[in-house]
Amino acid sequence: MGRGGRVDLRELKAFERKLAKLANADFNKFCEDAAKELASRLLGKVIRRTPVGKYKDGRVGGTLRRGWTIGRVKKSGSTYEIEVINNTEYAQYVEFGHRTSNHQGWVNGRFMMTISADQVEQQAPALLEKKLMKMLREAFDGD
């Protein structure tokens, strides 16, 4: 025959409160913040990788490097998008390459955006996991 016993439900109730706190977390804000952080990292990498023109008369450029900006976060369905933009008219030619002015040769592209985007894409899972773990820690540790 079975015996009667006692069950302490205090820890289960505390766990329930923590789950409720996590359920009330603002996941849209979490996703927007994550997108902004990834875009900021991409911006930093692409700016460092963007070449600066050095002219024969001693002038130093930098227009292309200064032209990088970040757009706004856009939510499309379950996807969050943010653009890293350079509106400098010759940015695509420096990125992908172009013919010389006399059409006799080719100037290789620098691929500053392509390479930087690949690097951030490789780092993204670890960065997002770290951010998610921080959110979970805040929900379960803080009372």
N, C-alpha and C. Protein backbone atom coordinates (compact mmCIF):
# COMPACT_ATOMS: atom_id res chain seq x y z
N MET A 1 0.82 -1.17 0.00
CA MET A 1 0.00 0.00 0.00
C MET A 1 0.87 1.25 0.00
N GLY A 2 0.33 2.28 -0.61
CA GLY A 2 1.07 3.54 -0.68
C GLY A 2 0.90 4.33 0.60
N ARG A 3 1.86 5.15 0.86
CA ARG A 3 1.80 6.02 2.03
C ARG A 3 1.51 7.45 1.62
N GLY A 4 0.97 8.19 2.49
CA GLY A 4 0.75 9.62 2.27
C GLY A 4 2.08 10.34 2.39
N GLY A 5 2.25 11.42 1.68
CA GLY A 5 3.50 12.16 1.75
C GLY A 5 3.25 13.65 1.60
N ARG A 6 4.32 14.40 1.78
CA ARG A 6 4.23 15.84 1.64
C ARG A 6 4.97 16.26 0.37
N VAL A 7 4.45 17.27 -0.25
CA VAL A 7 5.09 17.82 -1.45
C VAL A 7 5.22 19.32 -1.23
N ASP A 8 6.44 19.82 -1.43
CA ASP A 8 6.70 21.25 -1.30
C ASP A 8 6.65 21.86 -2.71
N LEU A 9 5.66 22.67 -2.95
CA LEU A 9 5.44 23.24 -4.28
C LEU A 9 6.00 24.66 -4.43
N ARG A 10 6.75 25.13 -3.43
CA ARG A 10 7.26 26.51 -3.50
C ARG A 10 8.21 26.71 -4.68
N GLU A 11 9.10 25.74 -4.90
CA GLU A 11 10.04 25.89 -6.02
C GLU A 11 9.33 25.81 -7.36
N LEU A 12 8.32 24.97 -7.45
CA LEU A 12 7.54 24.88 -8.67
C LEU A 12 6.81 26.19 -8.94
N LYS A 13 6.27 26.81 -7.90
CA LYS A 13 5.59 28.10 -8.05
C LYS A 13 6.59 29.20 -8.47
N ALA A 14 7.80 29.16 -7.89
CA ALA A 14 8.83 30.14 -8.25
C ALA A 14 9.22 29.96 -9.72
N PHE A 15 9.35 28.71 -10.17
CA PHE A 15 9.67 28.43 -11.56
C PHE A 15 8.56 28.93 -12.48
N GLU A 16 7.32 28.77 -12.05
CA GLU A 16 6.18 29.24 -12.83
C GLU A 16 6.23 30.76 -12.99
N ARG A 17 6.59 31.48 -11.91
CA ARG A 17 6.70 32.94 -11.98
C ARG A 17 7.81 33.35 -12.95
N LYS A 18 8.92 32.63 -12.94
CA LYS A 18 10.02 32.95 -13.85
C LYS A 18 9.64 32.70 -15.30
N LEU A 19 8.90 31.64 -15.55
CA LEU A 19 8.43 31.37 -16.91
C LEU A 19 7.46 32.45 -17.37
N ALA A 20 6.60 32.92 -16.46
CA ALA A 20 5.66 33.99 -16.80
C ALA A 20 6.42 35.27 -17.12
N LYS A 21 7.48 35.55 -16.38
CA LYS A 21 8.30 36.73 -16.63
C LYS A 21 8.95 36.63 -18.01
N LEU A 22 9.43 35.45 -18.35
CA LEU A 22 10.05 35.24 -19.66
C LEU A 22 9.01 35.38 -20.77
N ALA A 23 7.80 34.88 -20.54
CA ALA A 23 6.74 34.97 -21.55
C ALA A 23 6.34 36.42 -21.81
N ASN A 24 6.49 37.27 -20.79
CA ASN A 24 6.13 38.67 -20.95
C ASN A 24 7.27 39.50 -21.54
N ALA A 25 8.41 38.89 -21.76
CA ALA A 25 9.55 39.61 -22.32
C ALA A 25 9.20 40.14 -23.71
N ASP A 26 9.77 41.24 -24.06
CA ASP A 26 9.50 41.88 -25.34
C ASP A 26 10.44 41.29 -26.40
N PHE A 27 9.97 40.28 -27.13
CA PHE A 27 10.82 39.61 -28.12
C PHE A 27 11.06 40.49 -29.34
N ASN A 28 10.11 41.38 -29.66
CA ASN A 28 10.34 42.30 -30.76
C ASN A 28 11.53 43.21 -30.47
N LYS A 29 11.58 43.72 -29.24
CA LYS A 29 12.70 44.58 -28.85
C LYS A 29 14.00 43.78 -28.88
N PHE A 30 13.96 42.55 -28.40
CA PHE A 30 15.14 41.69 -28.42
C PHE A 30 15.64 41.53 -29.85
N CYS A 31 14.74 41.25 -30.79
CA CYS A 31 15.13 41.03 -32.19
C CYS A 31 15.63 42.32 -32.82
N GLU A 32 14.99 43.44 -32.53
CA GLU A 32 15.45 44.73 -33.06
C GLU A 32 16.84 45.07 -32.53
N ASP A 33 17.04 44.87 -31.23
CA ASP A 33 18.35 45.14 -30.64
C ASP A 33 19.42 44.24 -31.25
N ALA A 34 19.08 42.98 -31.48
CA ALA A 34 20.04 42.05 -32.09
C ALA A 34 20.38 42.49 -33.51
N ALA A 35 19.38 42.91 -34.27
CA ALA A 35 19.62 43.38 -35.64
C ALA A 35 20.50 44.62 -35.64
N LYS A 36 20.23 45.54 -34.71
CA LYS A 36 21.04 46.76 -34.62
C LYS A 36 22.49 46.43 -34.24
N GLU A 37 22.67 45.50 -33.33
CA GLU A 37 24.02 45.13 -32.93
C GLU A 37 24.79 44.49 -34.09
N LEU A 38 24.14 43.60 -34.81
CA LEU A 38 24.80 42.98 -35.96
C LEU A 38 25.13 44.02 -37.03
N ALA A 39 24.20 44.95 -37.28
CA ALA A 39 24.45 46.00 -38.27
C ALA A 39 25.59 46.91 -37.83
N SER A 40 25.68 47.20 -36.54
CA SER A 40 26.77 48.04 -36.03
C SER A 40 28.12 47.35 -36.21
N ARG A 41 28.14 46.06 -35.95
CA ARG A 41 29.38 45.31 -36.15
C ARG A 41 29.77 45.30 -37.63
N LEU A 42 28.78 45.11 -38.50
CA LEU A 42 29.04 45.13 -39.93
C LEU A 42 29.55 46.49 -40.36
N LEU A 43 28.91 47.55 -39.88
CA LEU A 43 29.32 48.91 -40.21
C LEU A 43 30.77 49.15 -39.81
N GLY A 44 31.13 48.76 -38.61
CA GLY A 44 32.50 48.95 -38.16
C GLY A 44 33.51 48.21 -39.03
N LYS A 45 33.18 46.98 -39.39
CA LYS A 45 34.09 46.20 -40.23
C LYS A 45 34.21 46.79 -41.63
N VAL A 46 33.09 47.18 -42.22
CA VAL A 46 33.12 47.68 -43.60
C VAL A 46 33.82 49.04 -43.67
N ILE A 47 33.66 49.87 -42.66
CA ILE A 47 34.35 51.16 -42.64
C ILE A 47 35.86 50.95 -42.57
N ARG A 48 36.30 50.06 -41.70
CA ARG A 48 37.76 49.80 -41.59
C ARG A 48 38.32 49.22 -42.88
N ARG A 49 37.52 48.45 -43.59
CA ARG A 49 37.99 47.80 -44.81
C ARG A 49 37.91 48.71 -46.05
N THR A 50 37.14 49.80 -45.98
CA THR A 50 36.96 50.70 -47.12
C THR A 50 38.25 51.50 -47.36
N PRO A 51 38.75 51.47 -48.60
CA PRO A 51 39.98 52.20 -48.90
C PRO A 51 39.77 53.71 -48.91
N VAL A 52 40.84 54.43 -48.64
CA VAL A 52 40.84 55.89 -48.69
C VAL A 52 41.75 56.30 -49.83
N GLY A 53 41.25 57.17 -50.71
CA GLY A 53 42.03 57.60 -51.87
C GLY A 53 43.21 58.48 -51.47
N LYS A 54 44.33 58.24 -52.12
CA LYS A 54 45.52 59.07 -51.95
C LYS A 54 45.86 59.62 -53.32
N TYR A 55 45.87 60.94 -53.43
CA TYR A 55 46.02 61.58 -54.72
C TYR A 55 47.45 62.05 -54.94
N LYS A 56 47.81 62.24 -56.21
CA LYS A 56 49.17 62.64 -56.58
C LYS A 56 49.54 64.01 -56.03
N ASP A 57 48.57 64.88 -55.84
CA ASP A 57 48.86 66.22 -55.32
C ASP A 57 48.94 66.27 -53.80
N GLY A 58 48.90 65.10 -53.15
CA GLY A 58 49.06 65.04 -51.71
C GLY A 58 47.76 65.00 -50.91
N ARG A 59 46.63 65.21 -51.58
CA ARG A 59 45.35 65.17 -50.87
C ARG A 59 45.03 63.74 -50.45
N VAL A 60 44.25 63.63 -49.41
CA VAL A 60 43.78 62.32 -48.95
C VAL A 60 42.26 62.35 -48.98
N GLY A 61 41.65 61.30 -49.52
CA GLY A 61 40.20 61.23 -49.66
C GLY A 61 39.53 60.77 -48.37
N GLY A 62 38.51 59.95 -48.50
CA GLY A 62 37.78 59.45 -47.35
C GLY A 62 36.28 59.58 -47.52
N THR A 63 35.85 60.12 -48.67
CA THR A 63 34.42 60.30 -48.93
C THR A 63 33.69 58.97 -48.89
N LEU A 64 34.27 57.96 -49.52
CA LEU A 64 33.64 56.64 -49.56
C LEU A 64 33.53 56.06 -48.15
N ARG A 65 34.58 56.19 -47.38
CA ARG A 65 34.59 55.66 -46.01
C ARG A 65 33.56 56.38 -45.14
N ARG A 66 33.44 57.67 -45.30
CA ARG A 66 32.48 58.45 -44.51
C ARG A 66 31.04 58.24 -44.97
N GLY A 67 30.84 57.65 -46.13
CA GLY A 67 29.52 57.50 -46.70
C GLY A 67 28.68 56.37 -46.13
N TRP A 68 29.25 55.52 -45.29
CA TRP A 68 28.51 54.37 -44.76
C TRP A 68 27.55 54.80 -43.66
N THR A 69 26.31 54.30 -43.73
CA THR A 69 25.30 54.55 -42.71
C THR A 69 24.46 53.30 -42.49
N ILE A 70 23.67 53.33 -41.42
CA ILE A 70 22.76 52.23 -41.10
C ILE A 70 21.34 52.75 -41.24
N GLY A 71 20.49 51.96 -41.88
CA GLY A 71 19.07 52.31 -42.02
C GLY A 71 18.29 51.93 -40.78
N ARG A 72 16.98 51.90 -40.92
CA ARG A 72 16.09 51.52 -39.81
C ARG A 72 15.79 50.04 -39.86
N VAL A 73 15.44 49.49 -38.71
CA VAL A 73 15.04 48.09 -38.63
C VAL A 73 13.64 47.96 -39.21
N LYS A 74 13.47 47.00 -40.12
CA LYS A 74 12.16 46.74 -40.71
C LYS A 74 11.78 45.30 -40.41
N LYS A 75 10.54 45.10 -39.99
CA LYS A 75 10.04 43.76 -39.73
C LYS A 75 9.15 43.36 -40.88
N SER A 76 9.46 42.22 -41.48
CA SER A 76 8.67 41.69 -42.59
C SER A 76 8.31 40.25 -42.24
N GLY A 77 7.09 40.04 -41.75
CA GLY A 77 6.71 38.72 -41.28
C GLY A 77 7.47 38.40 -40.01
N SER A 78 8.24 37.32 -40.04
CA SER A 78 9.05 36.97 -38.87
C SER A 78 10.53 37.32 -39.09
N THR A 79 10.80 38.12 -40.11
CA THR A 79 12.16 38.50 -40.45
C THR A 79 12.41 39.96 -40.10
N TYR A 80 13.56 40.23 -39.52
CA TYR A 80 13.97 41.59 -39.22
C TYR A 80 15.09 41.96 -40.17
N GLU A 81 14.98 43.12 -40.81
CA GLU A 81 15.97 43.57 -41.77
C GLU A 81 16.48 44.94 -41.38
N ILE A 82 17.77 45.15 -41.65
CA ILE A 82 18.36 46.47 -41.46
C ILE A 82 19.42 46.63 -42.54
N GLU A 83 19.45 47.79 -43.16
CA GLU A 83 20.37 48.02 -44.27
C GLU A 83 21.60 48.78 -43.81
N VAL A 84 22.73 48.39 -44.37
CA VAL A 84 23.96 49.16 -44.24
C VAL A 84 24.17 49.74 -45.63
N ILE A 85 24.20 51.07 -45.72
CA ILE A 85 24.10 51.77 -46.99
C ILE A 85 25.32 52.67 -47.22
N ASN A 86 25.72 52.76 -48.51
CA ASN A 86 26.68 53.77 -48.92
C ASN A 86 26.15 54.39 -50.20
N ASN A 87 25.72 55.64 -50.15
CA ASN A 87 25.14 56.32 -51.30
C ASN A 87 26.17 57.02 -52.17
N THR A 88 27.45 56.83 -51.88
CA THR A 88 28.48 57.42 -52.72
C THR A 88 28.36 56.80 -54.11
N GLU A 89 28.37 57.65 -55.13
CA GLU A 89 28.06 57.19 -56.50
C GLU A 89 29.01 56.12 -57.02
N TYR A 90 30.22 56.06 -56.54
CA TYR A 90 31.19 55.09 -57.07
C TYR A 90 31.43 53.91 -56.13
N ALA A 91 30.60 53.75 -55.11
CA ALA A 91 30.81 52.67 -54.14
C ALA A 91 30.78 51.30 -54.78
N GLN A 92 29.85 51.07 -55.70
CA GLN A 92 29.75 49.74 -56.32
C GLN A 92 30.97 49.43 -57.19
N TYR A 93 31.58 50.46 -57.76
CA TYR A 93 32.76 50.23 -58.60
C TYR A 93 33.97 49.84 -57.77
N VAL A 94 34.08 50.44 -56.59
CA VAL A 94 35.18 50.07 -55.69
C VAL A 94 34.91 48.68 -55.12
N GLU A 95 33.67 48.38 -54.82
CA GLU A 95 33.30 47.07 -54.26
C GLU A 95 33.56 45.94 -55.24
N PHE A 96 33.08 46.06 -56.47
CA PHE A 96 33.10 44.93 -57.40
C PHE A 96 34.14 45.05 -58.51
N GLY A 97 34.78 46.20 -58.65
CA GLY A 97 35.77 46.39 -59.70
C GLY A 97 35.17 47.15 -60.88
N HIS A 98 36.08 47.62 -61.77
CA HIS A 98 35.62 48.39 -62.93
C HIS A 98 36.71 48.46 -63.99
N ARG A 99 36.30 48.84 -65.18
CA ARG A 99 37.28 49.05 -66.25
C ARG A 99 38.02 50.35 -66.00
N THR A 100 39.22 50.43 -66.53
CA THR A 100 39.97 51.68 -66.41
C THR A 100 39.34 52.73 -67.31
N SER A 101 39.71 53.97 -67.13
CA SER A 101 39.09 55.05 -67.89
C SER A 101 39.36 54.95 -69.39
N ASN A 102 40.47 54.33 -69.78
CA ASN A 102 40.74 54.16 -71.21
C ASN A 102 40.21 52.84 -71.76
N HIS A 103 39.51 52.08 -70.93
CA HIS A 103 38.88 50.81 -71.30
C HIS A 103 39.89 49.75 -71.75
N GLN A 104 41.12 49.89 -71.33
CA GLN A 104 42.15 48.94 -71.71
C GLN A 104 42.48 47.94 -70.59
N GLY A 105 42.02 48.21 -69.40
CA GLY A 105 42.35 47.34 -68.28
C GLY A 105 41.20 47.21 -67.29
N TRP A 106 41.51 46.54 -66.20
CA TRP A 106 40.50 46.27 -65.17
C TRP A 106 41.10 46.58 -63.81
N VAL A 107 40.32 47.26 -62.98
CA VAL A 107 40.70 47.51 -61.59
C VAL A 107 39.90 46.53 -60.74
N ASN A 108 40.60 45.69 -60.00
CA ASN A 108 39.92 44.69 -59.17
C ASN A 108 39.12 45.34 -58.05
N GLY A 109 38.02 44.70 -57.72
CA GLY A 109 37.19 45.18 -56.63
C GLY A 109 37.85 44.93 -55.28
N ARG A 110 37.42 45.71 -54.27
CA ARG A 110 37.98 45.56 -52.93
C ARG A 110 37.09 44.68 -52.05
N PHE A 111 35.82 44.50 -52.42
CA PHE A 111 34.88 43.61 -51.74
C PHE A 111 34.79 43.88 -50.24
N MET A 112 34.82 45.16 -49.88
CA MET A 112 34.80 45.53 -48.46
C MET A 112 33.48 45.13 -47.81
N MET A 113 32.36 45.29 -48.49
CA MET A 113 31.06 44.90 -47.93
C MET A 113 30.90 43.38 -47.95
N THR A 114 31.26 42.76 -49.05
CA THR A 114 31.10 41.31 -49.19
C THR A 114 31.87 40.56 -48.11
N ILE A 115 33.12 40.91 -47.93
CA ILE A 115 33.97 40.23 -46.94
C ILE A 115 33.47 40.51 -45.53
N SER A 116 33.12 41.75 -45.25
CA SER A 116 32.64 42.12 -43.91
C SER A 116 31.33 41.41 -43.60
N ALA A 117 30.42 41.33 -44.57
CA ALA A 117 29.15 40.65 -44.36
C ALA A 117 29.36 39.17 -44.08
N ASP A 118 30.30 38.55 -44.80
CA ASP A 118 30.61 37.14 -44.55
C ASP A 118 31.14 36.93 -43.13
N GLN A 119 32.00 37.84 -42.68
CA GLN A 119 32.55 37.73 -41.33
C GLN A 119 31.46 37.86 -40.27
N VAL A 120 30.59 38.84 -40.43
CA VAL A 120 29.52 39.04 -39.45
C VAL A 120 28.55 37.86 -39.49
N GLU A 121 28.29 37.33 -40.66
CA GLU A 121 27.40 36.17 -40.78
C GLU A 121 27.96 34.96 -40.04
N GLN A 122 29.27 34.79 -40.05
CA GLN A 122 29.89 33.69 -39.31
C GLN A 122 29.83 33.93 -37.81
N GLN A 123 29.93 35.18 -37.38
CA GLN A 123 29.92 35.52 -35.97
C GLN A 123 28.51 35.60 -35.39
N ALA A 124 27.51 35.78 -36.24
CA ALA A 124 26.14 36.03 -35.79
C ALA A 124 25.58 34.97 -34.85
N PRO A 125 25.71 33.67 -35.14
CA PRO A 125 25.12 32.68 -34.21
C PRO A 125 25.66 32.80 -32.79
N ALA A 126 26.96 32.98 -32.64
CA ALA A 126 27.54 33.10 -31.30
C ALA A 126 27.06 34.38 -30.62
N LEU A 127 26.98 35.48 -31.35
CA LEU A 127 26.52 36.75 -30.77
C LEU A 127 25.06 36.65 -30.34
N LEU A 128 24.23 36.03 -31.18
CA LEU A 128 22.82 35.89 -30.84
C LEU A 128 22.62 34.95 -29.67
N GLU A 129 23.41 33.88 -29.62
CA GLU A 129 23.31 32.95 -28.49
C GLU A 129 23.69 33.64 -27.19
N LYS A 130 24.73 34.45 -27.23
CA LYS A 130 25.17 35.18 -26.04
C LYS A 130 24.07 36.15 -25.57
N LYS A 131 23.46 36.85 -26.52
CA LYS A 131 22.39 37.79 -26.19
C LYS A 131 21.17 37.06 -25.62
N LEU A 132 20.83 35.93 -26.20
CA LEU A 132 19.69 35.13 -25.72
C LEU A 132 19.97 34.57 -24.33
N MET A 133 21.18 34.09 -24.10
CA MET A 133 21.53 33.57 -22.77
C MET A 133 21.45 34.66 -21.71
N LYS A 134 21.84 35.87 -22.09
CA LYS A 134 21.75 36.99 -21.15
C LYS A 134 20.29 37.26 -20.79
N MET A 135 19.41 37.23 -21.80
CA MET A 135 17.99 37.45 -21.54
C MET A 135 17.42 36.35 -20.65
N LEU A 136 17.80 35.10 -20.91
CA LEU A 136 17.32 33.98 -20.09
C LEU A 136 17.84 34.09 -18.66
N ARG A 137 19.11 34.47 -18.53
CA ARG A 137 19.70 34.63 -17.20
C ARG A 137 18.96 35.69 -16.40
N GLU A 138 18.64 36.82 -17.06
CA GLU A 138 17.90 37.88 -16.39
C GLU A 138 16.53 37.41 -15.94
N ALA A 139 15.89 36.59 -16.78
CA ALA A 139 14.54 36.10 -16.44
C ALA A 139 14.57 35.09 -15.30
N PHE A 140 15.58 34.24 -15.25
CA PHE A 140 15.59 33.16 -14.26
C PHE A 140 16.40 33.48 -13.01
N ASP A 141 17.36 34.41 -13.10
CA ASP A 141 18.16 34.72 -11.91
C ASP A 141 17.54 35.82 -11.08
N GLY A 142 17.05 36.84 -11.74
CA GLY A 142 16.51 38.00 -11.00
C GLY A 142 15.10 37.76 -10.50
N ASP A 143 14.86 38.01 -9.26
CA ASP A 143 13.51 37.88 -8.69
C ASP A 143 13.05 39.17 -8.08
